[in-house]
Protein backbone atom coordinates (compact mmCIF):
# COMPACT_ATOMS: atom_id res chain seq x y z
CA UNK A 1 -5.07 27.79 -6.66
CA UNK A 2 -8.38 29.21 -5.43
CA UNK A 3 -9.75 28.97 -8.92
CA UNK A 4 -13.16 27.83 -10.15
CA UNK A 5 -12.74 26.01 -13.44
CA UNK A 6 -15.37 25.31 -16.07
CA UNK A 7 -17.71 24.34 -13.28
CA UNK A 8 -20.13 21.46 -13.73
CA UNK A 9 -20.08 21.65 -17.53
CA UNK A 10 -19.87 18.15 -18.95
CA UNK A 11 -19.80 17.64 -22.70
CA UNK A 12 -20.94 14.84 -24.95
CA UNK A 13 -17.56 13.17 -24.53
CA UNK A 14 -18.26 11.91 -21.01
CA UNK A 15 -18.70 8.22 -21.88
CA UNK A 16 -21.67 9.04 -24.06
CA UNK A 17 -23.82 9.99 -21.10
CA UNK A 18 -25.71 12.59 -23.08
CA UNK A 19 -26.81 10.74 -26.19
CA UNK A 20 -29.30 13.23 -27.56
CA UNK A 21 -29.61 16.99 -27.38
CA UNK A 22 -33.34 16.40 -27.06
CA UNK A 23 -32.68 15.32 -23.48
CA UNK A 24 -31.86 18.94 -22.68
CA UNK A 25 -30.11 20.14 -19.59
CA UNK A 26 -30.53 21.65 -16.17
CA UNK A 27 -28.85 24.48 -14.27
CA UNK A 28 -27.16 24.28 -10.88
CA UNK A 29 -25.45 26.53 -8.33
CA UNK A 30 -23.09 24.97 -5.80
CA UNK A 31 -22.49 26.54 -2.36
CA UNK A 32 -19.77 25.47 0.10
CA UNK A 33 -21.30 25.82 3.57
CA UNK A 34 -19.61 22.94 5.42
CA UNK A 35 -17.96 24.62 8.42
CA UNK A 36 -15.65 21.70 9.35
CA UNK A 37 -12.19 23.30 9.52
CA UNK A 38 -10.55 20.26 7.88
CA UNK A 39 -12.47 20.79 4.63
CA UNK A 40 -12.42 24.57 4.34
CA UNK A 41 -11.27 24.02 0.74
CA UNK A 42 -12.56 21.19 -1.47
CA UNK A 43 -12.40 19.91 -5.03
CA UNK A 44 -15.53 18.66 -6.82
CA UNK A 45 -15.43 15.90 -9.46
CA UNK A 46 -18.17 14.96 -11.93
CA UNK A 47 -17.83 11.53 -13.55
CA UNK A 48 -14.21 11.45 -12.40
CA UNK A 49 -13.32 14.82 -13.92
CA UNK A 50 -12.41 17.73 -11.65
CA UNK A 51 -14.90 20.54 -12.27
CA UNK A 52 -14.44 22.82 -9.22
CA UNK A 53 -10.88 23.37 -8.07
CA UNK A 54 -9.97 24.59 -4.56
CA UNK A 55 -13.52 25.67 -3.72
CA UNK A 56 -13.46 27.68 -0.50
CA UNK A 57 -15.88 27.69 2.42
CA UNK A 58 -18.59 30.37 2.16
CA UNK A 59 -18.29 30.66 -1.60
CA UNK A 60 -20.83 29.97 -4.34
CA UNK A 61 -20.55 29.23 -8.01
CA UNK A 62 -22.69 30.93 -10.61
CA UNK A 63 -25.59 28.94 -12.06
CA UNK A 64 -24.13 26.68 -14.75
CA UNK A 65 -25.48 24.24 -17.31
CA UNK A 66 -25.31 20.53 -16.53
CA UNK A 67 -26.67 17.49 -18.41
CA UNK A 68 -30.06 16.18 -17.32
CA UNK A 69 -31.76 12.82 -17.55
CA UNK A 70 -28.64 10.71 -16.88
CA UNK A 71 -26.97 9.54 -13.64
CA UNK A 72 -24.03 11.75 -12.69
CA UNK A 73 -21.50 10.57 -10.14
CA UNK A 74 -20.40 13.50 -7.97
CA UNK A 75 -17.37 13.20 -5.67
CA UNK A 76 -15.97 15.71 -3.17
CA UNK A 77 -12.29 15.56 -2.19
CA UNK A 78 -10.03 17.79 -0.09
CA UNK A 79 -8.55 20.83 -1.82
CA UNK A 80 -5.36 20.20 -3.83
CA UNK A 81 -6.46 16.65 -4.56
CA UNK A 82 -5.11 14.96 -7.67
CA UNK A 83 -7.97 12.58 -8.52
CA UNK A 84 -11.49 11.59 -7.56
CA UNK A 85 -10.06 8.53 -5.81
CA UNK A 86 -9.17 10.84 -2.89
CA UNK A 87 -12.84 11.57 -2.28
CA UNK A 88 -14.38 11.68 1.18
CA UNK A 89 -17.95 11.87 -0.18
CA UNK A 90 -19.67 10.50 -3.26
CA UNK A 91 -23.24 10.52 -4.53
CA UNK A 92 -25.12 9.91 -7.75
CA UNK A 93 -27.75 12.36 -8.94
CA UNK A 94 -30.03 12.52 -11.95
CA UNK A 95 -31.30 16.00 -12.73
CA UNK A 96 -34.50 16.85 -14.57
CA UNK A 97 -34.33 18.74 -17.85
CA UNK A 98 -35.40 22.37 -17.63
CA UNK A 99 -35.11 22.58 -13.85
CA UNK A 100 -32.80 24.79 -11.78
CA UNK A 101 -31.04 23.45 -8.70
CA UNK A 102 -29.03 24.65 -5.72
CA UNK A 103 -26.59 22.17 -4.11
CA UNK A 104 -25.20 23.08 -0.68
CA UNK A 105 -22.28 21.29 1.01
CA UNK A 106 -23.09 21.00 4.70
CA UNK A 107 -22.20 19.06 7.86
CA UNK A 108 -18.89 17.87 9.29
CA UNK A 109 -16.30 15.41 8.06
CA UNK A 110 -14.66 14.84 11.45
CA UNK A 111 -16.01 12.13 13.75
CA UNK A 112 -14.79 13.91 16.89
CA UNK A 113 -14.56 17.53 17.97
CA UNK A 114 -18.07 18.49 16.85
CA UNK A 115 -21.26 18.65 18.91
CA UNK A 116 -23.53 17.44 17.49
CA UNK A 117 -21.53 15.27 15.12
CA UNK A 118 -23.43 15.85 11.88
CA UNK A 119 -22.14 13.90 8.85
CA UNK A 120 -21.12 15.71 5.69
CA UNK A 121 -23.86 15.86 3.06
CA UNK A 122 -24.92 17.76 -0.04
CA UNK A 123 -28.41 19.26 0.30
CA UNK A 124 -30.29 19.69 -2.97
CA UNK A 125 -33.07 22.20 -3.69
CA UNK A 126 -34.78 21.52 -7.01
CA UNK A 127 -36.97 24.62 -7.40
CA UNK A 128 -34.25 27.27 -7.51
CA UNK A 129 -34.61 30.68 -9.12
CA UNK A 130 -32.20 33.23 -10.50
CA UNK A 131 -34.59 36.16 -10.91
CA UNK A 132 -37.56 37.76 -9.16
CA UNK A 133 -40.47 39.91 -10.27
CA UNK A 134 -39.63 43.55 -10.93
CA UNK A 135 -39.15 45.46 -7.68
CA UNK A 136 -38.90 42.29 -5.58
CA UNK A 137 -36.10 40.21 -4.14
CA UNK A 138 -36.96 36.52 -3.78
CA UNK A 139 -35.29 34.96 -0.73
CA UNK A 140 -34.63 31.25 -0.21
CA UNK A 141 -33.74 30.41 3.41
CA UNK A 142 -31.46 27.46 4.22
CA UNK A 143 -30.48 26.60 7.80
CA UNK A 144 -26.99 25.16 7.51
CA UNK A 145 -25.65 25.57 11.05
CA UNK A 146 -25.35 22.15 12.67
CA UNK A 147 -25.65 23.36 16.28
CA UNK A 148 -28.09 26.27 16.10
CA UNK A 149 -31.23 25.66 18.20
CA UNK A 150 -34.61 25.56 16.47
CA UNK A 151 -35.40 29.20 15.71
CA UNK A 152 -38.11 31.49 14.38
CA UNK A 153 -37.26 34.29 11.97
CA UNK A 154 -38.94 37.48 13.17
CA UNK A 155 -39.22 40.81 11.37
CA UNK A 156 -39.46 43.47 14.12
CA UNK A 157 -42.62 45.50 13.73
CA UNK A 158 -44.16 42.95 11.36
CA UNK A 159 -44.03 39.64 13.22
CA UNK A 160 -42.81 36.12 12.56
CA UNK A 161 -41.68 35.31 9.03
CA UNK A 162 -40.86 31.62 9.53
CA UNK A 163 -41.53 29.23 12.41
CA UNK A 164 -39.43 26.34 13.71
CA UNK A 165 -36.46 26.50 11.36
CA UNK A 166 -34.31 23.40 11.86
CA UNK A 167 -30.94 22.24 10.56
CA UNK A 168 -30.83 21.26 6.88
CA UNK A 169 -34.21 22.89 6.24
CA UNK A 170 -35.03 24.83 3.10
CA UNK A 171 -37.83 27.37 3.43
CA UNK A 172 -39.35 28.09 0.01
CA UNK A 173 -38.81 31.44 -1.64
CA UNK A 174 -40.23 34.50 0.08
CA UNK A 175 -40.99 37.31 -2.40
CA UNK A 176 -40.02 40.56 -0.63
CA UNK A 177 -40.17 44.18 -1.79
CA UNK A 178 -36.59 45.30 -2.34
CA UNK A 179 -36.07 47.21 0.87
CA UNK A 180 -33.67 46.92 3.83
CA UNK A 181 -34.90 44.82 6.74
CA UNK A 182 -33.94 43.73 10.21
CA UNK A 183 -34.28 40.02 10.99
CA UNK A 184 -34.19 38.53 14.49
CA UNK A 185 -33.48 34.83 15.08
CA UNK A 186 -35.48 33.80 18.15
CA UNK A 187 -35.10 30.52 20.02
CA UNK A 188 -38.38 28.69 19.38
CA UNK A 189 -38.36 27.05 22.79
CA UNK A 190 -37.33 29.91 25.09
CA UNK A 191 -38.32 33.03 23.14
CA UNK A 192 -34.80 34.42 23.55
CA UNK A 193 -33.48 36.55 20.69
CA UNK A 194 -30.21 34.89 19.73
CA UNK A 195 -29.09 37.05 16.81
CA UNK A 196 -30.21 40.11 14.89
CA UNK A 197 -29.16 41.03 11.37
CA UNK A 198 -29.68 43.66 8.71
CA UNK A 199 -30.76 42.33 5.31
CA UNK A 200 -29.71 45.16 2.94
CA UNK A 201 -31.61 44.21 -0.22
CA UNK A 202 -32.09 47.79 -1.41
CA UNK A 203 -28.59 48.91 -0.47
CA UNK A 204 -27.09 46.05 -2.48
CA UNK A 205 -29.36 46.72 -5.48
CA UNK A 206 -30.96 43.27 -5.44
CA UNK A 207 -34.21 44.20 -7.18
CA UNK A 208 -35.17 41.49 -9.64
CA UNK A 209 -32.79 38.90 -8.16
CA UNK A 210 -33.35 35.65 -6.30
CA UNK A 211 -30.86 35.05 -3.47
CA UNK A 212 -30.19 32.38 -0.87
CA UNK A 213 -29.66 33.31 2.79
CA UNK A 214 -27.85 30.63 4.78
CA UNK A 215 -27.31 29.98 8.45
CA UNK A 216 -23.57 29.29 8.47
CA UNK A 217 -20.95 28.38 11.07
CA UNK A 218 -21.29 27.34 14.70
CA UNK A 219 -23.43 28.75 17.48
CA UNK A 220 -20.96 27.27 19.99
CA UNK A 221 -17.48 27.38 18.48
CA UNK A 222 -15.78 25.92 21.59
CA UNK A 223 -17.77 22.69 21.15
CA UNK A 224 -16.97 22.57 17.44
CA UNK A 225 -13.18 22.60 17.07
CA UNK A 226 -13.13 26.41 17.30
CA UNK A 227 -14.61 26.58 13.83
CA UNK A 228 -16.13 29.67 12.20
CA UNK A 229 -18.73 31.60 14.19
CA UNK A 230 -22.40 31.57 13.26
CA UNK A 231 -23.73 34.20 10.91
CA UNK A 232 -26.27 34.75 8.17
CA UNK A 233 -24.70 34.83 4.72
CA UNK A 234 -26.20 35.56 1.31
CA UNK A 235 -25.42 33.74 -1.94
CA UNK A 236 -26.00 35.81 -5.07
CA UNK A 237 -27.07 34.22 -8.39
CA UNK A 238 -23.81 35.32 -10.03
CA UNK A 239 -21.81 33.44 -7.40
CA UNK A 240 -18.64 34.51 -5.60
CA UNK A 241 -17.90 34.90 -1.88
CA UNK A 242 -21.03 34.76 0.28
CA UNK A 243 -22.09 38.20 1.51
CA UNK A 244 -22.23 38.42 5.34
CA UNK A 245 -25.36 40.11 6.67
CA UNK A 246 -24.38 42.88 9.10
CA UNK A 247 -25.38 42.33 12.70
CA UNK A 248 -28.16 44.62 13.87
CA UNK A 249 -29.86 45.46 17.16
CA UNK A 250 -32.56 43.08 18.36
CA UNK A 251 -36.18 44.16 18.39
CA UNK A 252 -35.91 47.46 16.50
CA UNK A 253 -38.23 48.82 13.84
CA UNK A 254 -37.43 48.02 10.21
CA UNK A 255 -34.90 50.45 8.86
CA UNK A 256 -36.80 51.29 5.69
CA UNK A 257 -39.18 53.41 7.78
CA UNK A 258 -36.46 55.76 9.10
CA UNK A 259 -33.85 57.95 7.36
CA UNK A 260 -30.99 59.98 8.74
CA UNK A 261 -29.37 63.08 7.24
CA UNK A 262 -25.59 63.00 6.91
CA UNK A 263 -23.34 65.83 5.68
CA UNK A 264 -21.24 66.34 3.69
CA UNK A 265 -22.33 63.40 1.58
CA UNK A 266 -20.28 62.63 -0.50
CA UNK A 267 -17.46 63.41 1.91
CA UNK A 268 -13.78 62.65 2.21
CA UNK A 269 -12.86 63.21 5.86
CA UNK A 270 -15.31 63.81 8.73
CA UNK A 271 -19.05 63.41 8.16
CA UNK A 272 -21.68 64.57 10.63
CA UNK A 273 -24.92 62.86 11.59
CA UNK A 274 -27.70 65.42 11.67
CA UNK A 275 -29.54 64.37 14.84
CA UNK A 276 -32.13 66.50 16.67
CA UNK A 277 -31.07 67.75 20.09
CA UNK A 278 -32.25 65.94 23.18
CA UNK A 279 -31.53 62.33 22.25
CA UNK A 280 -30.35 59.97 24.99
CA UNK A 281 -28.52 57.12 23.27
CA UNK A 282 -26.84 56.74 19.88
CA UNK A 283 -25.00 53.80 18.39
CA UNK A 284 -23.95 53.93 14.75
CA UNK A 285 -22.08 51.38 12.64
CA UNK A 286 -20.71 51.81 9.13
CA UNK A 287 -20.51 48.83 6.75
CA UNK A 288 -18.93 48.38 3.35
CA UNK A 289 -20.88 46.73 0.54
CA UNK A 290 -19.65 43.25 1.49
CA UNK A 291 -21.29 43.63 4.91
CA UNK A 292 -17.99 44.15 6.78
CA UNK A 293 -18.16 46.63 9.66
CA UNK A 294 -15.54 49.34 9.11
CA UNK A 295 -16.40 52.05 11.68
CA UNK A 296 -18.52 52.55 14.78
CA UNK A 297 -19.40 55.57 16.91
CA UNK A 298 -21.62 56.65 19.77
CA UNK A 299 -21.20 60.30 18.78
CA UNK A 300 -22.44 62.45 15.92
CA UNK A 301 -19.37 62.29 13.67
CA UNK A 302 -17.55 59.66 11.63
CA UNK A 303 -13.99 60.03 10.35
CA UNK A 304 -14.02 58.30 6.95
CA UNK A 305 -10.64 59.62 5.79
CA UNK A 306 -9.01 56.20 6.18
CA UNK A 307 -11.59 54.37 4.06
CA UNK A 308 -11.37 53.53 0.38
CA UNK A 309 -13.54 55.52 -2.00
CA UNK A 310 -16.95 53.97 -2.49
CA UNK A 311 -20.44 53.49 -1.09
CA UNK A 312 -21.03 52.55 2.57
CA UNK A 313 -24.11 51.76 4.66
CA UNK A 314 -24.69 53.65 7.92
CA UNK A 315 -26.84 51.66 10.36
CA UNK A 316 -27.75 53.73 13.44
CA UNK A 317 -29.99 53.20 16.45
CA UNK A 318 -31.12 56.37 18.24
CA UNK A 319 -33.25 55.97 21.35
CA UNK A 320 -34.41 52.54 20.18
CA UNK A 321 -35.32 53.57 16.62
CA UNK A 322 -33.38 52.36 13.59
CA UNK A 323 -32.07 54.70 10.92
CA UNK A 324 -30.14 54.07 7.75
CA UNK A 325 -28.34 56.13 5.17
CA UNK A 326 -25.88 55.53 2.38
CA UNK A 327 -22.60 57.41 2.68
CA UNK A 328 -20.33 58.00 -0.29
CA UNK A 329 -16.60 58.41 0.38
CA UNK A 330 -14.74 60.27 -2.37
């Protein structure tokens, strides 16, 4: 059904577990980040009642109210299950009144076909946020890729943001000015840059929000049942499909320091990149607002006639410098 029901909302009728309103409640967001192909869709039960129905991989719920101060039995079953008895995972948690939580499904259910074989688990972060100070975007980092080497997160031009990020690690919130950044993931042992991404906080209008960025999928898909490839994905406080961070070019200057003129903008057919003469190398990629790459060029024009109307992000590298510009298709 691919439908999220009245997620994690349990009333006073659940066997009297909430005996007094004075006990208060907590808030929780649930994120499905378990890349095992056999559990790409799951159902979640609370106290035997199905609360999340056909919850898909790389999706998040909104923050919802949940009772605090009492033990809650949480079970996870395959999608299209009919009862909690079909569970493959069960835990009991007691949440603290007034606190906000993030719960992330991670690991693998299968006992073979995955290297390393990392058991399924639900990781809990108990200091979650939904909002940030005005002008900032608060970023919680969670490394949820079971086979990614230990990495450092590096901001080109500024230096290392986080050192020695390991699987199942939460890095506390980083308050960041709401700008667009490049992030390199560098192997802590070898110094090799493994991946580079664009974090488009300004482009996605994330000022005042707290978000979670997750390492998701497999670094080596062949050793992991040909499961989903590794990427960085962003969970928004309002929930929904995780937003993939566009891949960038390793080692380039942060894009907020460079702009690029594009005309006509808005445009409806061919748009031109206004680049000074004498450049040697150009590579430009166009992304929609979900982070999906829709066009690429090594020239000075883009034909946007086949795209839907809306706002797009142009990410260009010209002679080793990064440029960015919004393009509106009308």
